Protein backbone atom coordinates (compact mmCIF):
# COMPACT_ATOMS: atom_id res chain seq x y z
CA MET A 1 61.68 -92.46 -16.80
CA THR A 2 58.74 -90.59 -17.51
CA ARG A 3 55.62 -92.29 -19.94
CA ARG A 4 53.70 -90.27 -22.32
CA PRO A 5 49.73 -90.10 -21.42
CA ARG A 6 47.68 -92.33 -23.57
CA GLY A 7 44.52 -91.41 -25.05
CA PRO A 8 41.75 -93.68 -25.55
CA ALA A 9 42.71 -94.04 -29.33
CA GLY A 10 46.41 -94.10 -28.83
CA PRO A 11 49.43 -91.80 -28.57
CA THR A 12 48.14 -87.79 -28.98
CA PRO A 13 49.81 -86.90 -32.39
CA THR A 14 52.33 -83.96 -31.71
CA ALA A 15 52.67 -80.50 -33.66
CA GLY A 16 54.55 -79.71 -36.69
CA ALA A 17 54.33 -84.26 -37.63
CA GLY A 18 54.73 -82.59 -41.43
CA PHE A 19 52.97 -82.56 -44.91
CA THR A 20 50.05 -84.20 -46.51
CA LEU A 21 50.37 -85.12 -49.89
CA VAL A 22 47.58 -82.48 -51.02
CA GLU A 23 49.71 -79.90 -49.31
CA VAL A 24 53.16 -80.73 -51.14
CA LEU A 25 51.27 -81.18 -54.61
CA VAL A 26 49.57 -77.62 -54.47
CA ALA A 27 52.86 -75.93 -52.99
CA LEU A 28 54.80 -77.44 -56.05
CA SER A 29 51.96 -76.13 -58.78
CA ILE A 30 52.45 -73.26 -57.00
CA LEU A 31 56.10 -72.91 -57.59
CA ALA A 32 55.36 -74.08 -60.87
CA VAL A 33 53.50 -71.46 -61.97
CA LEU A 34 55.56 -68.93 -60.22
CA ALA A 35 58.90 -70.46 -62.21
CA GLY A 36 56.79 -70.50 -65.63
CA LEU A 37 56.01 -66.83 -65.01
CA ALA A 38 59.38 -66.14 -64.18
CA TRP A 39 60.85 -67.66 -67.65
CA ARG A 40 58.34 -65.68 -69.58
CA GLY A 41 59.15 -62.21 -67.90
CA LEU A 42 63.32 -63.31 -68.27
CA ASP A 43 62.08 -64.31 -72.30
CA GLY A 44 60.52 -61.26 -72.92
CA MET A 45 63.04 -59.03 -71.59
CA LEU A 46 65.80 -60.95 -73.68
CA ARG A 47 63.46 -61.05 -76.92
CA ALA A 48 63.16 -57.07 -76.13
CA ARG A 49 67.01 -56.54 -75.66
CA ASP A 50 67.79 -58.82 -79.15
CA ALA A 51 65.24 -56.32 -80.83
CA SER A 52 67.30 -53.39 -79.64
CA HIS A 53 70.27 -54.63 -80.83
CA GLN A 54 68.86 -55.77 -84.50
CA ALA A 55 67.35 -51.78 -84.65
CA VAL A 56 70.23 -50.45 -83.30
CA GLU A 57 72.70 -52.41 -85.84
CA ARG A 58 70.19 -51.61 -88.75
CA THR A 59 70.49 -48.04 -88.15
CA ALA A 60 74.32 -47.76 -88.31
CA ARG A 61 73.96 -49.96 -91.37
CA LEU A 62 71.64 -47.67 -93.03
CA ASN A 63 73.95 -44.58 -92.26
CA THR A 64 76.65 -46.40 -93.88
CA VAL A 65 75.04 -47.13 -96.88
CA LEU A 66 73.51 -43.26 -96.85
CA VAL A 67 77.44 -41.79 -96.67
CA GLN A 68 77.61 -44.08 -99.58
CA TRP A 69 74.38 -42.58 -100.96
CA GLU A 70 75.27 -38.85 -100.90
CA GLN A 71 79.22 -39.24 -102.34
CA ASP A 72 77.55 -40.80 -105.46
CA TRP A 73 75.25 -38.32 -106.00
CA ALA A 74 78.22 -35.74 -105.16
CA ALA A 75 80.13 -37.63 -107.87
CA VAL A 76 77.49 -37.68 -110.65
CA PHE A 77 78.98 -36.32 -113.76
CA ASP A 78 76.98 -36.45 -117.13
CA THR A 79 79.27 -37.59 -120.07
CA ARG A 80 75.95 -36.32 -122.52
CA THR A 81 76.79 -40.33 -123.45
CA VAL A 82 73.70 -41.45 -121.84
CA PRO A 83 71.73 -40.18 -119.08
CA ALA A 84 73.72 -39.38 -115.89
CA VAL A 85 70.71 -39.69 -114.16
CA ASN A 86 67.89 -42.01 -114.75
CA PHE A 87 64.87 -43.62 -112.21
CA ASP A 88 62.28 -46.05 -113.51
CA GLY A 89 61.28 -46.94 -109.93
CA ARG A 90 62.87 -50.04 -109.36
CA ALA A 91 66.21 -48.84 -110.19
CA LEU A 92 68.13 -45.95 -110.23
CA ARG A 93 70.87 -45.05 -112.50
CA LEU A 94 74.14 -43.01 -112.08
CA THR A 95 77.09 -42.16 -113.88
CA ARG A 96 79.51 -41.09 -111.55
CA SER A 97 83.04 -39.98 -111.56
CA VAL A 98 85.80 -42.87 -110.01
CA ARG A 99 89.45 -42.86 -109.71
CA ASP A 100 89.96 -44.27 -113.37
CA GLY A 101 87.33 -42.45 -115.36
CA VAL A 102 83.31 -42.57 -115.24
CA ALA A 103 81.42 -45.33 -114.08
CA VAL A 104 77.99 -46.47 -113.41
CA VAL A 105 76.08 -46.82 -110.61
CA VAL A 106 73.13 -48.51 -110.11
CA TRP A 107 70.90 -48.97 -106.77
CA MET A 108 67.96 -51.15 -107.37
CA VAL A 109 65.40 -52.63 -104.98
CA ASP A 110 65.03 -56.22 -106.09
CA ASP A 111 62.43 -58.58 -106.10
CA LYS A 112 63.03 -60.37 -102.52
CA GLY A 113 62.79 -56.77 -100.50
CA ARG A 114 67.07 -56.22 -101.05
CA TRP A 115 67.91 -52.96 -101.32
CA GLY A 116 71.55 -53.27 -102.97
CA ARG A 117 74.31 -51.47 -105.07
CA TRP A 118 76.06 -52.64 -108.26
CA LEU A 119 78.87 -50.69 -109.60
CA GLY A 120 80.30 -50.99 -113.27
CA PRO A 121 83.29 -51.01 -114.46
CA ALA A 122 85.48 -47.57 -114.86
CA THR A 123 86.15 -46.18 -118.86
CA THR A 124 87.02 -42.88 -120.36
CA LEU A 125 85.36 -44.21 -123.66
CA ALA A 126 82.16 -43.94 -125.23
CA LEU A 127 81.66 -47.38 -126.02
CA PRO A 128 82.77 -49.22 -122.61
CA LEU A 129 80.42 -47.35 -121.16
CA ARG A 130 77.36 -47.14 -123.49
CA ASP A 131 77.87 -51.11 -123.20
CA SER A 132 78.18 -50.42 -118.88
CA TRP A 133 74.88 -48.41 -119.06
CA MET A 134 73.09 -51.33 -121.39
CA ALA A 135 74.21 -54.27 -118.47
CA SER A 136 72.89 -51.58 -116.40
CA GLN A 137 69.02 -52.47 -117.13
CA GLN A 138 69.02 -56.08 -117.35
CA LEU A 139 70.47 -56.66 -113.18
CA LEU A 140 68.64 -59.03 -111.88
CA GLY A 141 69.88 -58.84 -108.26
CA SER A 142 72.28 -62.34 -108.23
CA GLU A 143 75.16 -60.32 -110.43
CA PRO A 144 78.88 -60.18 -109.30
CA GLY A 145 79.66 -57.14 -107.66
CA LEU A 146 76.10 -55.99 -106.51
CA VAL A 147 76.25 -55.88 -102.51
CA THR A 148 73.19 -56.07 -100.76
CA LEU A 149 73.08 -52.79 -98.58
CA VAL A 150 69.61 -53.29 -96.90
CA ASP A 151 67.61 -56.51 -96.03
CA LYS A 152 63.75 -56.23 -95.98
CA VAL A 153 62.70 -52.79 -97.93
CA ALA A 154 58.77 -52.85 -98.84
CA GLY A 155 59.64 -49.76 -101.91
CA TRP A 156 61.32 -46.57 -102.03
CA GLN A 157 60.50 -43.48 -104.07
CA LEU A 158 62.63 -40.36 -105.54
CA TYR A 159 61.83 -37.38 -105.39
CA TYR A 160 63.39 -34.28 -107.20
CA TYR A 161 64.07 -30.46 -106.07
CA ARG A 162 63.96 -28.52 -109.51
CA GLY A 163 62.57 -25.06 -109.86
CA ASN A 164 61.70 -24.40 -106.39
CA ALA A 165 59.56 -27.25 -106.01
CA TRP A 166 59.88 -31.04 -105.23
CA SER A 167 58.44 -33.40 -107.72
CA ASN A 168 58.06 -37.08 -108.12
CA SER A 169 61.30 -37.97 -110.00
CA GLN A 170 59.31 -40.36 -112.64
CA SER A 171 57.80 -37.57 -114.14
CA SER A 172 58.31 -36.46 -117.61
CA ALA A 173 58.39 -32.52 -116.44
CA GLY A 174 61.94 -31.20 -116.95
CA SER A 175 63.37 -34.25 -119.14
CA GLY A 176 65.12 -33.74 -122.30
CA PRO A 177 64.70 -35.52 -125.87
CA PRO A 178 67.74 -38.18 -125.65
CA GLY A 179 70.76 -36.99 -127.13
CA PRO A 180 72.25 -39.13 -130.43
CA ALA A 181 74.44 -41.11 -128.27
CA ALA A 182 72.13 -42.26 -125.76
CA ALA A 183 69.30 -42.44 -128.76
CA ALA A 184 72.07 -44.90 -130.62
CA SER A 185 72.51 -46.61 -127.20
CA GLY A 186 68.73 -47.57 -126.43
CA ALA A 187 69.14 -45.08 -123.66
CA ALA A 188 66.23 -43.39 -121.77
CA ALA A 189 65.42 -39.50 -122.26
CA ARG A 190 68.50 -37.24 -120.45
CA GLU A 191 67.22 -35.44 -117.40
CA PRO A 192 68.20 -32.14 -116.47
CA LEU A 193 70.58 -32.98 -113.06
CA PRO A 194 68.29 -31.44 -110.22
CA ASP A 195 69.22 -29.05 -107.61
CA GLY A 196 68.30 -31.60 -104.46
CA VAL A 197 67.20 -35.15 -104.37
CA ARG A 198 64.65 -36.93 -101.69
CA LEU A 199 65.32 -40.70 -100.69
CA VAL A 200 62.16 -42.27 -99.02
CA LEU A 201 62.89 -45.76 -98.26
CA ASP A 202 59.90 -48.07 -97.00
CA LEU A 203 61.18 -50.23 -94.31
CA GLY A 204 57.90 -52.16 -93.65
CA ASN A 205 55.60 -52.30 -90.69
CA GLY A 206 55.08 -48.44 -91.49
CA VAL A 207 58.23 -47.28 -91.15
CA ASN A 208 59.56 -45.04 -93.99
CA LEU A 209 63.09 -43.32 -93.61
CA THR A 210 63.28 -40.01 -95.54
CA ARG A 211 66.88 -38.25 -96.12
CA ASP A 212 67.18 -35.08 -98.00
CA LEU A 213 70.35 -34.50 -99.55
CA ALA A 214 71.38 -31.12 -101.55
CA LEU A 215 73.45 -31.12 -104.85
CA GLY A 216 75.97 -29.04 -105.73
CA PRO A 217 77.56 -28.23 -109.22
CA HIS A 218 78.16 -31.64 -111.00
CA GLY A 219 81.02 -31.93 -114.09
CA SER A 220 79.67 -31.77 -117.67
């Protein structure tokens, strides 16, 4: 049997005997840092994916809402009993033809920044239409039949195209006095129907949605 030579202080240490405690702690620290960086990168990717998914869903929802918006404007019917179109900065009121007659439609942004739509009952009589118009002026945003379409809307504005020019829909230019029936109901002055309407929807964070709509001839 061959004996290993002994040095003056004992056996000579062999190469690769192992790691010291300090080396293990340093390696663990490096691994922890790398794991943290990897997690942050993965978390950022997941957040970006979720934000992109939400943006796509909101865009698709807005496109669906704007189809309904265009349909309401295309079906505006001036009954000459109440104003066919009226916008007060918070709510837009329209009278439009529906299957069973005429109904009042309201598009409004409530105090919580929700853009919603309310559809009143259909009627063929003047008195119920005036009652529906009056009820539409008292909406708070929580009434039955009011459907929230878009959340987190900072505000909105409408512009009308009349006389080859765009003007603020709240301008009194071009508005006529209320008819006898409208005056009796306390409704706002009747406005001539515009040739086009521009919707500017403030979605917050500096993002605005603008949609122009050309209007054809309306019933009367």
